């Protein structure tokens, strides 16, 4: 059964939001844990709720398909860095 509503993770969302909003600098956060515990759902819900807090944009890296290094290199090339 696939859940259709996001419930029961408000503390994690609050912690993530506090860490990402703690300074004026670029913020990076990683969500780690065992497979199937809802890391992706947590990140997606955070983006849904707080996307307006990031008018400059945001990146979501899906590491299942590529390594972090290859995704960052691709992004850097895209922006001419």
N, C-alpha and C. Protein backbone atom coordinates (compact mmCIF):
# COMPACT_ATOMS: atom_id res chain seq x y z
N UNK A 1 0.83 -1.17 0.00
CA UNK A 1 0.00 0.00 0.00
C UNK A 1 0.89 1.25 0.00
N UNK A 2 0.61 2.18 -0.86
CA UNK A 2 1.35 3.44 -0.95
C UNK A 2 0.55 4.53 -0.24
N UNK A 3 1.22 5.24 0.65
CA UNK A 3 0.55 6.32 1.39
C UNK A 3 0.23 7.48 0.46
N UNK A 4 -0.91 8.10 0.68
CA UNK A 4 -1.30 9.26 -0.13
C UNK A 4 -1.16 10.57 0.63
N UNK A 5 -0.91 10.49 1.94
CA UNK A 5 -0.71 11.68 2.75
C UNK A 5 0.58 11.54 3.54
N UNK A 6 1.21 12.66 3.81
CA UNK A 6 2.45 12.69 4.58
C UNK A 6 2.09 13.04 6.02
N UNK A 7 2.30 12.12 6.94
CA UNK A 7 1.96 12.36 8.35
C UNK A 7 3.06 11.82 9.26
N UNK A 8 3.12 12.40 10.46
CA UNK A 8 3.96 11.84 11.50
C UNK A 8 5.43 12.19 11.46
N UNK A 9 5.85 13.14 10.65
CA UNK A 9 7.28 13.48 10.56
C UNK A 9 7.51 14.98 10.76
N UNK A 10 6.61 15.64 11.48
CA UNK A 10 6.73 17.09 11.66
C UNK A 10 8.03 17.47 12.37
N UNK A 11 8.46 16.68 13.35
CA UNK A 11 9.70 17.00 14.07
C UNK A 11 10.89 16.99 13.12
N UNK A 12 10.95 16.02 12.22
CA UNK A 12 12.04 15.95 11.25
C UNK A 12 11.98 17.12 10.28
N UNK A 13 10.78 17.48 9.83
CA UNK A 13 10.63 18.64 8.94
C UNK A 13 11.06 19.92 9.64
N UNK A 14 10.68 20.08 10.90
CA UNK A 14 11.06 21.27 11.66
C UNK A 14 12.57 21.36 11.84
N UNK A 15 13.21 20.23 12.15
CA UNK A 15 14.67 20.20 12.32
C UNK A 15 15.37 20.54 11.02
N UNK A 16 14.93 19.95 9.93
CA UNK A 16 15.52 20.22 8.63
C UNK A 16 15.36 21.69 8.26
N UNK A 17 14.19 22.24 8.48
CA UNK A 17 13.93 23.64 8.16
C UNK A 17 14.81 24.56 9.01
N UNK A 18 14.93 24.28 10.28
CA UNK A 18 15.76 25.11 11.16
C UNK A 18 17.22 25.09 10.72
N UNK A 19 17.72 23.94 10.34
CA UNK A 19 19.12 23.84 9.89
C UNK A 19 19.34 24.58 8.58
N UNK A 20 18.40 24.47 7.66
CA UNK A 20 18.56 25.12 6.36
C UNK A 20 18.35 26.62 6.42
N UNK A 21 17.64 27.10 7.42
CA UNK A 21 17.36 28.53 7.54
C UNK A 21 18.26 29.23 8.56
N UNK A 22 19.27 28.55 9.08
CA UNK A 22 20.05 29.09 10.19
C UNK A 22 21.05 30.17 9.79
N UNK A 23 21.27 30.40 8.50
CA UNK A 23 22.20 31.45 8.09
C UNK A 23 21.80 31.99 6.72
N UNK A 24 22.50 33.04 6.30
CA UNK A 24 22.24 33.66 5.00
C UNK A 24 23.01 32.96 3.87
N UNK A 25 23.84 32.00 4.21
CA UNK A 25 24.68 31.33 3.22
C UNK A 25 23.94 30.19 2.55
N UNK A 26 24.55 29.67 1.50
CA UNK A 26 23.99 28.51 0.81
C UNK A 26 23.95 27.35 1.80
N UNK A 27 22.85 26.66 1.85
CA UNK A 27 22.69 25.55 2.79
C UNK A 27 22.59 24.24 2.03
N UNK A 28 23.22 23.24 2.57
CA UNK A 28 23.16 21.89 2.01
C UNK A 28 22.75 20.96 3.14
N UNK A 29 21.86 20.06 2.86
CA UNK A 29 21.44 19.08 3.86
C UNK A 29 21.39 17.70 3.22
N UNK A 30 21.74 16.71 4.00
CA UNK A 30 21.62 15.32 3.56
C UNK A 30 20.67 14.62 4.51
N UNK A 31 19.83 13.78 3.95
CA UNK A 31 18.92 12.97 4.75
C UNK A 31 19.39 11.53 4.59
N UNK A 32 19.80 10.91 5.68
CA UNK A 32 20.37 9.57 5.61
C UNK A 32 19.57 8.61 6.48
N UNK A 33 19.61 7.34 6.11
CA UNK A 33 18.93 6.32 6.89
C UNK A 33 18.78 5.05 6.08
N UNK A 34 18.24 4.04 6.72
CA UNK A 34 18.04 2.76 6.06
C UNK A 34 17.04 2.90 4.91
N UNK A 35 17.14 2.02 3.95
CA UNK A 35 16.23 2.03 2.82
C UNK A 35 14.79 1.82 3.26
N UNK A 36 13.89 2.59 2.67
CA UNK A 36 12.47 2.40 2.91
C UNK A 36 11.88 3.12 4.10
N UNK A 37 12.69 3.96 4.79
CA UNK A 37 12.13 4.64 5.97
C UNK A 37 11.52 6.00 5.66
N UNK A 38 11.61 6.44 4.39
CA UNK A 38 10.94 7.67 4.00
C UNK A 38 11.82 8.88 3.78
N UNK A 39 13.10 8.65 3.48
CA UNK A 39 14.02 9.78 3.24
C UNK A 39 13.57 10.62 2.05
N UNK A 40 13.25 9.97 0.96
CA UNK A 40 12.82 10.69 -0.24
C UNK A 40 11.49 11.40 0.02
N UNK A 41 10.57 10.73 0.68
CA UNK A 41 9.28 11.35 0.99
C UNK A 41 9.47 12.58 1.87
N UNK A 42 10.38 12.50 2.83
CA UNK A 42 10.66 13.64 3.71
C UNK A 42 11.21 14.82 2.90
N UNK A 43 12.17 14.55 2.03
CA UNK A 43 12.75 15.62 1.21
C UNK A 43 11.70 16.23 0.27
N UNK A 44 10.88 15.39 -0.32
CA UNK A 44 9.85 15.90 -1.23
C UNK A 44 8.81 16.72 -0.49
N UNK A 45 8.44 16.29 0.70
CA UNK A 45 7.47 17.05 1.50
C UNK A 45 8.06 18.37 1.94
N UNK A 46 9.34 18.36 2.32
CA UNK A 46 9.99 19.62 2.70
C UNK A 46 9.93 20.61 1.53
N UNK A 47 10.28 20.15 0.36
CA UNK A 47 10.25 21.02 -0.82
C UNK A 47 8.83 21.53 -1.09
N UNK A 48 7.85 20.66 -0.98
CA UNK A 48 6.46 21.07 -1.21
C UNK A 48 6.04 22.17 -0.23
N UNK A 49 6.40 22.00 1.03
CA UNK A 49 5.97 22.97 2.05
C UNK A 49 6.76 24.28 2.02
N UNK A 50 8.05 24.20 1.72
CA UNK A 50 8.92 25.36 1.92
C UNK A 50 9.54 25.91 0.64
N UNK A 51 9.07 25.50 -0.53
CA UNK A 51 9.69 25.93 -1.78
C UNK A 51 9.72 27.45 -1.93
N UNK A 52 8.74 28.15 -1.39
CA UNK A 52 8.71 29.62 -1.50
C UNK A 52 9.81 30.29 -0.69
N UNK A 53 10.42 29.56 0.24
CA UNK A 53 11.54 30.10 1.02
C UNK A 53 12.84 30.13 0.21
N UNK A 54 12.83 29.55 -0.96
CA UNK A 54 14.04 29.43 -1.78
C UNK A 54 13.80 30.02 -3.17
N UNK A 55 13.63 31.34 -3.27
CA UNK A 55 13.34 31.96 -4.57
C UNK A 55 14.50 31.84 -5.56
N UNK A 56 15.70 31.61 -5.06
CA UNK A 56 16.86 31.44 -5.94
C UNK A 56 16.96 30.06 -6.54
N UNK A 57 16.13 29.15 -6.09
CA UNK A 57 16.12 27.80 -6.63
C UNK A 57 16.56 26.77 -5.61
N UNK A 58 16.47 25.53 -6.00
CA UNK A 58 16.88 24.42 -5.16
C UNK A 58 17.22 23.24 -6.04
N UNK A 59 18.09 22.39 -5.54
CA UNK A 59 18.49 21.17 -6.26
C UNK A 59 18.10 19.96 -5.46
N UNK A 60 17.65 18.97 -6.16
CA UNK A 60 17.34 17.68 -5.56
C UNK A 60 18.19 16.67 -6.31
N UNK A 61 19.12 16.04 -5.63
CA UNK A 61 20.01 15.07 -6.28
C UNK A 61 19.53 13.66 -5.96
N UNK A 62 19.21 12.92 -6.98
CA UNK A 62 18.78 11.53 -6.81
C UNK A 62 20.01 10.65 -7.00
N UNK A 63 20.54 10.14 -5.91
CA UNK A 63 21.80 9.41 -5.96
C UNK A 63 21.65 7.95 -6.35
N UNK A 64 20.46 7.49 -6.54
CA UNK A 64 20.27 6.11 -6.95
C UNK A 64 20.81 5.88 -8.36
N UNK A 65 20.67 6.87 -9.23
CA UNK A 65 21.02 6.70 -10.63
C UNK A 65 22.45 7.11 -10.96
N UNK A 66 23.01 8.07 -10.24
CA UNK A 66 24.35 8.56 -10.51
C UNK A 66 25.03 8.87 -9.19
N UNK A 67 26.35 8.98 -9.25
CA UNK A 67 27.06 9.37 -8.04
C UNK A 67 26.90 10.87 -7.80
N UNK A 68 27.11 11.27 -6.56
CA UNK A 68 27.04 12.69 -6.21
C UNK A 68 28.04 13.48 -7.03
N UNK A 69 29.25 12.95 -7.18
CA UNK A 69 30.30 13.66 -7.93
C UNK A 69 29.87 13.89 -9.37
N UNK A 70 29.33 12.87 -10.03
CA UNK A 70 28.94 13.04 -11.43
C UNK A 70 27.79 14.04 -11.57
N UNK A 71 26.87 14.06 -10.62
CA UNK A 71 25.77 15.03 -10.69
C UNK A 71 26.28 16.46 -10.46
N UNK A 72 27.19 16.62 -9.50
CA UNK A 72 27.74 17.96 -9.25
C UNK A 72 28.57 18.45 -10.43
N UNK A 73 29.33 17.56 -11.06
CA UNK A 73 30.11 17.95 -12.24
C UNK A 73 29.19 18.34 -13.39
N UNK A 74 28.11 17.62 -13.57
CA UNK A 74 27.15 17.97 -14.62
C UNK A 74 26.51 19.33 -14.35
N UNK A 75 26.16 19.58 -13.10
CA UNK A 75 25.57 20.88 -12.74
C UNK A 75 26.57 22.00 -12.94
N UNK A 76 27.81 21.77 -12.55
CA UNK A 76 28.85 22.79 -12.71
C UNK A 76 29.05 23.12 -14.18
N UNK A 77 29.06 22.10 -15.03
CA UNK A 77 29.22 22.33 -16.46
C UNK A 77 28.03 23.11 -17.02
N UNK A 78 26.84 22.79 -16.54
CA UNK A 78 25.63 23.47 -16.99
C UNK A 78 25.70 24.97 -16.70
N UNK A 79 26.26 25.33 -15.54
CA UNK A 79 26.35 26.73 -15.15
C UNK A 79 27.67 27.37 -15.55
N UNK A 80 28.53 26.63 -16.23
CA UNK A 80 29.80 27.18 -16.69
C UNK A 80 30.81 27.41 -15.60
N UNK A 81 30.77 26.59 -14.55
CA UNK A 81 31.71 26.76 -13.44
C UNK A 81 32.97 25.99 -13.71
